[in-house]
Protein backbone atom coordinates (compact mmCIF):
# COMPACT_ATOMS: atom_id res chain seq x y z
CA MET A 1 167.03 72.78 108.38
CA GLU A 2 165.66 73.18 104.85
CA ARG A 3 165.24 69.40 104.54
CA LEU A 4 163.01 69.23 107.62
CA LEU A 5 159.30 69.78 107.04
CA PRO A 6 157.46 70.86 110.22
CA ARG A 7 153.68 70.84 110.62
CA PRO A 8 152.12 73.38 108.23
CA PHE A 9 150.64 76.64 109.55
CA ALA A 10 152.42 76.28 112.91
CA SER A 11 155.24 78.36 114.37
CA ASN A 12 158.44 76.53 115.31
CA GLY A 13 157.34 76.32 118.98
CA GLY A 14 160.88 76.29 120.30
CA TRP A 15 159.66 77.42 123.73
CA LEU A 16 158.01 74.02 124.19
CA SER A 17 161.45 72.49 124.77
CA LEU A 18 161.53 74.35 128.12
CA LEU A 19 158.41 72.65 129.47
CA LEU A 20 159.75 69.19 130.39
CA PRO A 21 162.85 70.51 132.23
CA LEU A 22 160.66 72.95 134.17
CA ALA A 23 158.09 70.25 134.94
CA LEU A 24 160.79 67.87 136.24
CA ALA A 25 162.31 70.63 138.37
CA VAL A 26 158.91 71.52 139.86
CA SER A 27 158.22 67.83 140.54
CA TYR A 28 161.60 67.49 142.29
CA LEU A 29 161.01 70.55 144.51
CA HIS A 30 157.44 69.49 145.29
CA SER A 31 158.49 65.97 146.27
CA HIS A 32 161.05 67.36 148.74
CA THR A 33 158.45 69.46 150.51
CA THR A 34 155.52 67.00 150.52
CA THR A 35 156.85 63.44 150.06
CA PRO A 36 160.36 63.18 151.54
CA ALA A 37 160.01 59.38 151.49
CA CYS A 38 160.73 59.56 147.75
CA SER A 39 164.35 60.57 148.35
CA SER A 40 165.48 57.08 147.26
CA SER A 41 165.04 58.21 143.63
CA ASP A 42 166.66 61.58 144.31
CA ALA A 43 169.82 61.02 142.27
CA VAL A 44 167.96 59.67 139.23
CA HIS A 45 165.58 62.63 139.32
CA ARG A 46 168.45 65.12 139.47
CA TYR A 47 170.16 63.48 136.50
CA LEU A 48 166.93 63.59 134.50
CA ILE A 49 166.55 67.32 135.19
CA VAL A 50 170.11 67.97 133.99
CA ILE A 51 169.62 65.86 130.86
CA ALA A 52 166.28 67.53 130.11
CA LEU A 53 167.99 70.92 130.42
CA GLY A 54 170.74 69.77 128.06
CA THR A 55 168.25 68.57 125.43
CA CYS A 56 166.38 71.87 125.76
CA LEU A 57 169.58 73.83 125.10
CA ARG A 58 170.39 71.50 122.19
CA THR A 59 166.99 72.23 120.63
CA LEU A 60 167.28 75.99 121.07
CA CYS A 61 170.84 76.06 119.68
CA PHE A 62 169.73 73.93 116.73
CA LEU A 63 166.88 76.32 115.92
CA LEU A 64 169.07 79.41 116.34
CA SER A 65 171.97 78.03 114.31
CA SER A 66 169.55 77.17 111.51
CA GLY A 67 168.58 80.81 111.18
CA TRP A 68 172.00 82.40 111.62
CA ALA A 69 175.53 81.43 110.71
CA LEU A 70 176.82 80.57 114.18
CA ASN A 71 180.18 78.92 114.76
CA TRP A 72 180.74 75.36 115.89
CA LEU A 73 181.56 76.44 119.46
CA PHE A 74 177.99 77.69 119.86
CA ASN A 75 176.69 74.26 118.82
CA LEU A 76 178.91 72.60 121.42
CA LEU A 77 177.50 74.78 124.20
CA PRO A 78 174.68 72.36 125.20
CA ALA A 79 177.13 69.47 125.56
CA PHE A 80 179.49 71.54 127.74
CA VAL A 81 176.66 72.84 129.93
CA THR A 82 175.23 69.31 130.34
CA SER A 83 178.67 67.92 131.21
CA ALA A 84 179.30 70.69 133.74
CA CYS A 85 175.94 70.13 135.45
CA LEU A 86 176.50 66.36 135.53
CA ALA A 87 179.93 66.92 137.08
CA LEU A 88 178.31 68.81 139.96
CA GLN A 89 176.46 65.64 140.98
CA PRO A 90 178.26 63.79 143.81
CA GLU A 91 178.00 60.38 142.09
CA THR A 92 179.95 61.31 138.93
CA THR A 93 183.48 62.21 137.87
CA TRP A 94 184.57 64.84 135.34
CA ILE A 95 185.47 62.20 132.76
CA THR A 96 182.15 60.35 132.91
CA SER A 97 180.29 63.68 132.98
CA LEU A 98 182.11 64.95 129.88
CA ILE A 99 181.53 61.74 127.95
CA GLY A 100 177.92 61.49 129.12
CA GLY A 101 177.13 65.12 128.25
CA PHE A 102 178.42 64.79 124.70
CA LEU A 103 176.87 61.36 124.10
CA ILE A 104 173.42 62.35 125.37
CA THR A 105 173.17 65.66 123.49
CA THR A 106 174.50 64.03 120.30
CA LEU A 107 172.05 61.13 120.61
CA TYR A 108 169.21 63.55 121.23
CA GLN A 109 169.98 65.66 118.17
CA HIS A 110 170.35 62.56 115.97
CA VAL A 111 166.98 61.16 117.08
CA TYR A 112 165.36 64.60 116.85
CA ILE A 113 166.44 65.14 113.24
CA SER A 114 165.57 61.52 112.33
CA VAL A 115 162.03 61.94 113.69
CA MET A 116 161.50 65.20 111.80
CA ARG A 117 162.74 63.60 108.56
CA ALA A 118 160.85 60.34 108.97
CA LEU A 119 157.55 62.05 109.84
CA PRO A 120 157.36 65.21 107.69
CA LYS A 121 154.58 67.72 108.36
CA THR A 122 153.65 65.89 111.58
CA PHE A 123 155.22 67.97 114.35
CA SER A 124 156.29 71.54 114.90
CA PHE A 125 159.91 71.79 116.03
CA GLY A 126 158.75 72.29 119.63
CA GLU A 127 156.33 69.37 119.58
CA ALA A 128 159.06 67.09 118.22
CA ALA A 129 161.36 68.36 120.99
CA ILE A 130 158.90 67.28 123.71
CA LEU A 131 158.46 63.88 122.05
CA VAL A 132 162.18 63.19 121.71
CA GLN A 133 163.02 64.64 125.14
CA GLY A 134 160.43 62.30 126.64
CA LEU A 135 161.84 59.35 124.70
CA VAL A 136 165.44 60.02 125.77
CA LEU A 137 164.47 60.61 129.41
CA PHE A 138 162.35 57.46 129.44
CA LEU A 139 165.18 55.35 128.02
CA LEU A 140 167.70 56.68 130.54
CA ASN A 141 165.31 56.25 133.47
CA ALA A 142 164.24 52.76 132.37
CA THR A 143 167.87 51.74 131.81
CA SER A 144 168.79 52.79 135.35
CA ARG A 145 165.81 50.85 136.76
CA ILE A 146 166.62 47.72 134.76
CA TYR A 147 170.27 47.95 135.83
CA ALA A 148 169.10 48.06 139.44
CA LEU A 149 166.85 45.04 138.80
CA PHE A 150 169.44 42.77 137.25
CA ALA A 151 172.89 44.03 138.29
CA LEU A 152 171.96 44.96 141.85
CA GLN A 153 169.17 42.35 142.23
CA ALA A 154 166.88 45.10 143.59
CA LYS A 155 163.49 43.62 142.72
CA PRO A 156 160.57 45.96 143.58
CA ILE A 157 158.41 44.88 146.51
CA THR A 158 155.62 47.46 146.58
CA ASP A 159 152.65 47.29 144.22
CA PHE A 160 153.60 50.54 142.54
CA GLY A 161 157.24 49.47 142.22
CA GLN A 162 156.22 46.23 140.50
CA LEU A 163 153.78 47.99 138.17
CA ASN A 164 156.43 50.57 137.30
CA ALA A 165 158.94 47.84 136.44
CA ILE A 166 156.37 46.01 134.31
CA MET A 167 155.36 49.15 132.45
CA GLN A 168 158.91 50.27 131.73
CA SER A 169 160.03 46.86 130.48
CA ALA A 170 156.87 46.58 128.35
CA LEU A 171 157.40 49.97 126.73
CA ILE A 172 161.05 49.15 126.01
CA CYS A 173 159.89 45.95 124.28
CA LEU A 174 157.33 47.97 122.31
CA LEU A 175 159.99 50.49 121.30
CA THR A 176 162.17 47.59 120.12
CA VAL A 177 159.30 46.33 117.96
CA CYS A 178 158.86 49.79 116.41
CA VAL A 179 162.59 50.05 115.63
CA LEU A 180 162.60 46.57 114.05
CA LEU A 181 159.61 47.48 111.88
CA ALA A 182 161.36 50.66 110.77
CA LEU A 183 164.62 48.87 109.92
CA LEU A 184 163.30 45.59 108.45
CA PRO A 185 160.61 45.97 105.75
CA VAL A 186 160.10 42.20 105.68
CA LEU A 187 158.43 42.43 109.10
CA ARG A 188 155.70 44.68 107.68
CA GLN A 189 153.89 41.74 106.11
CA PRO A 190 150.87 40.32 108.00
CA LEU A 191 152.37 37.00 109.16
CA PRO A 192 155.72 38.37 110.43
CA PHE A 193 153.94 41.38 111.96
CA TYR A 194 151.47 39.38 114.02
CA PHE A 195 154.21 36.93 115.00
CA LEU A 196 156.23 39.90 116.26
CA ILE A 197 153.24 41.20 118.23
CA GLY A 198 152.84 37.71 119.74
CA LEU A 199 156.49 37.74 120.82
CA LEU A 200 155.88 41.20 122.31
CA LEU A 201 153.03 39.86 124.45
CA VAL A 202 155.16 36.95 125.65
CA ALA A 203 158.07 39.27 126.50
CA VAL A 204 155.82 41.70 128.38
CA THR A 205 154.07 39.04 130.47
CA CYS A 206 157.06 36.80 131.14
CA ALA A 207 160.06 39.15 131.46
CA PRO A 208 161.83 38.47 134.80
CA VAL A 209 161.46 42.03 136.10
CA THR A 210 159.24 41.16 139.07
CA GLN A 211 158.87 38.31 141.52
CA PRO A 212 156.56 36.57 140.58
CA LEU A 213 156.50 37.06 136.79
CA PRO A 214 154.60 40.12 135.45
CA LEU A 215 151.45 38.24 134.39
CA ILE A 216 151.04 36.65 137.83
CA ALA A 217 151.96 39.88 139.59
CA LEU A 218 149.31 41.76 137.59
CA LEU A 219 146.63 39.16 138.31
CA ASN A 220 147.49 39.21 142.02
CA PHE A 221 147.29 42.99 142.03
CA ILE A 222 143.92 43.09 140.24
CA LEU A 223 142.20 40.29 142.19
CA ARG A 224 143.38 41.42 145.62
CA ASP A 225 140.94 44.34 145.88
CA GLN A 226 137.22 44.22 145.03
CA LYS A 227 137.10 48.01 144.46
CA ARG A 228 139.84 47.57 141.88
CA LEU A 229 137.67 45.10 139.99
CA ILE A 230 134.77 47.56 140.04
CA VAL A 231 136.98 50.30 138.58
CA ILE A 232 138.20 47.91 135.86
CA VAL A 233 134.58 47.05 134.93
CA PHE A 234 133.87 50.79 134.78
CA TYR A 235 136.86 51.25 132.47
CA ILE A 236 135.65 48.44 130.22
CA ILE A 237 132.27 50.19 129.94
CA LEU A 238 134.05 53.42 128.95
CA VAL A 239 136.06 51.53 126.30
CA ALA A 240 132.77 50.15 124.94
CA LEU A 241 131.32 53.67 124.84
CA THR A 242 134.40 54.86 122.97
CA GLY A 243 133.99 52.07 120.43
CA ALA A 244 130.29 52.89 120.07
CA THR A 245 131.12 56.58 119.47
CA VAL A 246 133.63 55.69 116.73
CA SER A 247 131.19 53.23 115.13
CA TRP A 248 128.37 55.80 115.19
CA GLN A 249 130.58 58.45 113.60
CA LEU A 250 131.76 56.06 110.87
CA GLY A 251 128.11 55.26 110.14
CA ASN A 252 127.39 58.94 109.54
CA SER A 253 130.00 59.11 106.77
CA THR A 254 130.77 62.72 107.70
CA GLN A 255 133.74 64.50 109.21
CA ALA A 256 133.52 64.69 113.03
CA ASN A 257 133.09 68.24 114.26
CA THR A 258 134.74 69.76 117.32
CA ARG A 259 131.89 68.87 119.68
CA VAL A 260 131.96 65.20 118.67
CA ARG A 261 135.74 65.03 119.19
CA LYS A 262 135.36 66.56 122.65
CA ILE A 263 133.38 63.46 123.69
CA PHE A 264 136.76 61.74 124.03
CA HIS A 265 137.90 64.52 126.38
CA LEU A 266 134.92 63.87 128.63
CA LEU A 267 135.54 60.11 128.53
CA ILE A 268 139.16 60.60 129.59
CA VAL A 269 137.97 62.73 132.53
CA LEU A 270 135.80 59.78 133.59
CA VAL A 271 138.86 57.53 133.38
CA PHE A 272 141.35 59.71 135.23
CA VAL A 273 139.41 61.31 138.08
CA PRO A 274 138.14 58.06 139.72
CA GLY A 275 141.50 56.44 139.01
CA LEU A 276 143.56 59.19 140.63
CA VAL A 277 141.27 59.44 143.63
CA TYR A 278 140.58 55.76 144.36
CA GLN A 279 142.96 53.53 142.36
CA CYS A 280 146.09 55.50 141.52
CA ALA A 281 148.38 52.51 140.94
CA LEU A 282 145.79 50.87 138.68
CA LEU A 283 145.46 54.07 136.67
CA TYR A 284 149.24 54.28 136.37
CA ILE A 285 149.54 50.88 134.73
CA ALA A 286 146.39 51.57 132.71
CA THR A 287 148.04 54.63 131.13
CA GLY A 288 150.92 52.42 130.00
CA VAL A 289 148.54 49.79 128.62
CA ALA A 290 146.49 52.43 126.80
CA PHE A 291 149.62 53.99 125.30
CA ALA A 292 150.83 50.59 124.10
CA VAL A 293 147.42 49.81 122.58
CA PHE A 294 147.45 53.20 120.82
CA VAL A 295 150.88 52.45 119.35
CA VAL A 296 149.84 48.99 118.11
CA LEU A 297 146.62 50.39 116.56
CA GLU A 298 148.65 53.13 114.89
CA LEU A 299 151.03 50.52 113.47
CA LEU A 300 148.06 48.58 112.13
CA ARG A 301 146.73 51.75 110.49
CA LEU A 302 150.02 52.99 109.03
CA LEU A 303 150.89 49.55 107.64
CA GLN A 304 147.23 49.00 106.60
CA MET A 305 147.49 45.59 108.18
CA PRO A 306 144.47 43.32 107.51
CA PRO A 307 141.86 42.84 108.86
CA PHE A 308 141.87 46.08 110.88
CA GLY A 309 143.85 48.50 108.73
CA ASN A 310 141.10 49.86 106.50
CA THR A 311 138.70 50.45 109.41
CA LEU A 312 141.37 52.32 111.35
CA VAL A 313 142.20 54.45 108.29
CA ALA A 314 138.50 55.35 107.93
CA ALA A 315 138.27 56.21 111.65
CA PHE A 316 141.34 58.44 111.42
CA GLU A 317 140.00 60.27 108.37
CA SER A 318 136.67 60.82 110.12
CA PHE A 319 138.07 62.14 113.42
CA LYS A 320 141.29 63.84 112.39
CA ASP A 321 141.88 67.40 113.49
CA VAL A 322 143.40 70.20 111.42
CA LYS A 323 146.65 69.56 113.34
CA ASP A 324 146.75 65.93 112.15
CA SER A 325 148.41 66.99 108.90
CA GLY A 326 151.16 64.37 108.90
CA GLN A 327 151.18 60.59 108.95
CA LEU A 328 150.54 60.13 112.68
CA ALA A 329 147.25 60.49 114.53
CA LEU A 330 148.80 63.26 116.60
CA THR A 331 145.89 64.69 118.62
CA PRO A 332 144.58 61.41 120.17
CA PHE A 333 148.11 60.44 121.16
CA CYS A 334 148.68 63.87 122.69
CA LEU A 335 145.35 63.68 124.56
CA LEU A 336 146.46 60.48 126.31
CA ILE A 337 150.04 61.68 126.83
CA GLY A 338 148.95 65.09 128.09
CA CYS A 339 146.61 63.64 130.72
CA SER A 340 149.19 60.99 131.70
CA LEU A 341 152.27 63.23 131.93
CA PRO A 342 151.49 64.50 135.47
CA ILE A 343 151.36 60.96 136.86
CA TRP A 344 154.47 59.99 134.89
CA LEU A 345 156.48 63.04 136.00
CA THR A 346 155.54 63.10 139.69
CA CYS A 347 157.73 61.30 142.22
CA CYS A 348 155.78 58.60 144.12
CA PRO A 349 152.41 59.64 142.64
CA CYS A 350 150.56 56.83 144.38
CA GLY A 351 152.43 56.48 147.64
CA GLN A 352 150.03 58.03 150.15
CA SER A 353 146.32 57.71 150.88
CA ASP A 354 146.04 61.47 151.53
CA ASN A 355 147.89 62.45 148.37
CA PRO A 356 149.43 65.94 148.64
CA SER A 357 150.19 65.88 144.90
CA LEU A 358 146.60 65.22 143.79
CA LEU A 359 146.03 68.70 142.38
CA MET A 360 149.20 68.39 140.29
CA LEU A 361 148.18 64.91 139.13
CA LEU A 362 144.86 66.35 137.96
CA SER A 363 146.63 68.97 135.81
CA GLY A 364 146.09 67.16 132.52
CA VAL A 365 142.45 66.35 133.24
CA LEU A 366 141.66 69.90 134.36
CA ALA A 367 143.51 71.65 131.52
CA VAL A 368 142.48 69.39 128.62
CA GLY A 369 139.51 67.34 129.79
CA VAL A 370 137.67 70.22 131.47
CA GLY A 371 139.09 73.61 130.44
CA ASP A 372 139.86 72.95 126.77
CA THR A 373 136.55 71.12 126.29
CA ALA A 374 134.55 73.98 127.84
CA ALA A 375 136.45 76.56 125.78
CA SER A 376 135.83 74.64 122.57
CA VAL A 377 132.12 73.99 123.14
CA VAL A 378 131.28 77.48 124.45
CA GLY A 379 133.53 79.21 121.94
CA SER A 380 132.11 77.36 118.93
CA LYS A 381 128.50 78.03 119.98
CA TYR A 382 128.55 81.41 121.72
CA GLY A 383 131.90 82.93 120.75
CA ARG A 384 131.34 86.36 119.22
CA ASN A 385 134.39 88.33 120.31
CA LYS A 386 137.67 87.05 118.89
CA TRP A 387 141.07 87.72 120.37
CA SER A 388 143.34 89.71 118.10
CA ASN A 389 145.67 87.52 116.03
CA SER A 390 143.74 84.42 117.11
CA THR A 391 140.78 82.33 115.98
CA ARG A 392 139.77 81.71 119.62
CA SER A 393 137.03 83.70 121.34
CA VAL A 394 137.03 85.64 124.59
CA GLU A 395 133.92 83.70 125.64
CA GLY A 396 135.77 80.42 125.19
CA THR A 397 138.70 81.65 127.27
CA ILE A 398 136.36 82.70 130.08
CA ALA A 399 134.68 79.29 129.94
CA PHE A 400 138.14 77.64 130.19
CA VAL A 401 138.96 79.45 133.44
CA VAL A 402 135.49 79.18 135.02
CA SER A 403 135.11 75.46 134.26
CA ILE A 404 138.46 74.62 135.89
CA LEU A 405 137.79 76.70 139.00
CA LEU A 406 134.29 75.23 139.39
CA SER A 407 135.67 71.69 139.00
CA VAL A 408 138.33 72.28 141.66
CA TRP A 409 135.71 73.84 143.95
CA PHE A 410 133.39 70.83 143.54
CA LEU A 411 136.28 68.46 144.24
CA GLU A 412 137.03 70.40 147.42
CA LEU A 413 133.35 70.36 148.46
CA GLY A 414 133.37 66.59 147.97
CA GLY A 415 136.38 66.23 150.27
CA ILE A 416 138.63 65.02 147.46
CA LEU A 417 140.86 68.09 147.49
CA ASP A 418 141.89 70.18 150.49
CA LEU A 419 143.58 73.30 149.20
CA THR A 420 145.40 75.99 151.12
CA GLN A 421 145.02 79.64 150.20
CA GLY A 422 148.34 79.47 148.35
CA GLN A 423 147.20 76.47 146.32
CA TRP A 424 143.98 78.26 145.38
CA PHE A 425 146.01 81.25 144.21
CA ALA A 426 148.26 78.95 142.17
CA THR A 427 145.20 77.23 140.66
CA VAL A 428 143.67 80.55 139.59
CA PHE A 429 147.04 81.71 138.21
CA ALA A 430 147.54 78.41 136.35
CA ALA A 431 144.00 78.47 134.92
CA LEU A 432 144.41 82.05 133.66
CA ASN A 433 147.78 81.38 132.03
CA ALA A 434 146.71 78.05 130.52
CA ALA A 435 143.60 79.76 129.11
CA LEU A 436 145.75 82.44 127.44
CA VAL A 437 148.10 79.80 126.04
CA GLU A 438 145.06 77.93 124.66
CA ALA A 439 143.78 81.14 123.08
CA PHE A 440 147.00 82.15 121.32
CA THR A 441 149.16 79.06 120.70
CA ASP A 442 149.21 77.22 117.39
CA GLN A 443 150.84 74.17 119.01
CA VAL A 444 148.91 71.02 119.99
CA ASP A 445 146.79 72.00 123.02
CA ASN A 446 146.56 68.45 124.35
CA LEU A 447 150.32 68.34 124.85
CA VAL A 448 151.10 71.91 125.91
CA LEU A 449 148.30 72.85 128.32
CA PRO A 450 148.83 70.00 130.86
CA LEU A 451 152.51 70.87 131.20
CA VAL A 452 151.84 74.61 131.60
CA PHE A 453 149.16 73.93 134.23
CA TYR A 454 151.36 71.35 136.03
CA ILE A 455 154.33 73.71 136.27
CA LEU A 456 152.33 76.66 137.58
CA VAL A 457 150.16 74.74 140.05
CA GLY A 458 153.23 72.89 141.35
CA LEU A 459 154.87 76.13 142.44
CA ALA A 460 152.40 76.49 145.34
């Protein structure tokens, strides 16, 4: 434990390791009550919940055993619990469950410690737990999907199924590139690096995961609907505005303040709300594309790869938050991930025209894009009364709650949402609790608040 350097001035955040298991469990229960057609992925979802629970226990045992001298049986507890829960699933045997439980928890702890050592002062222990939990769950889910594609010849036929297969295969290819760059220093030179990125593009567009190939499938999907083209043009305009904002800030040669950084929160609201309401499947693949672009840009910055490296370093220095104390640009990544997590975690997020999960899918946008932005702007300008043991103001917390409730009310007036009395109660409860978490936590808001809001609003 003493060799691991967490993010300075942050608590260990061990409670964050509970969020993904709870979110997956809420998603599973919600899908059974609102979208029973998603039962085809029932078994995979159950396995992911069990594995998420096992990684959570592994994190908590790791943190506890680092503070006290606990025996080796205590450290084996997560593996035994995971194996026992896996054995309760009808598709597994005791032997495969025992092996799987030990392998998964051991792999998780190895990756977890490796991430903390490779990226010192970047994450709190809880933030690293969410990152590595997400990575392990993604790999297991993607592996099961790819096995179904090739071993069972179960090619997806729906638009969302094809986009999901394309995104998962693309992110696996991107992860492979990142691992190769970490293991082989020779690839960190400009020529090998750009050659590797070229191979990545070829693999993503030509991998035989859909029929037809991904590039053709994507073009067919985009060109089939005129409204989809309009949304894409709108997204391109927003990307241009983002670039203009960064260019303007770099021209000022000053550090971006909180209000300037919150411009990106408003832009992401403009991306997600129209996408979720009118083009859910397009938004789903767009989140994967945006994440991949973020990763490539971050590689260019970290490796200071010409001709873009120096500009990206200057942009990071200008916009970085106090929580960006390590090597990674943590807060922009967490902003995208936080807003995308609801659509990634929800079963069949884009399956119905009258989407019963829309309020849950909006969790990230409401918590971070609306609530956190309002709290930051109002708190920095009008905040006079500070919470005890916190730098946040009471005025900002009130603005957080009011802005979310007003946004949900306007969406209901516009016919976009149709909430029952129970859902309204859950929304108020979620807004209040997320506001208090925002006021008192020292973890990254962009990552924590969407999950807290998603879990609470999904209980309705």
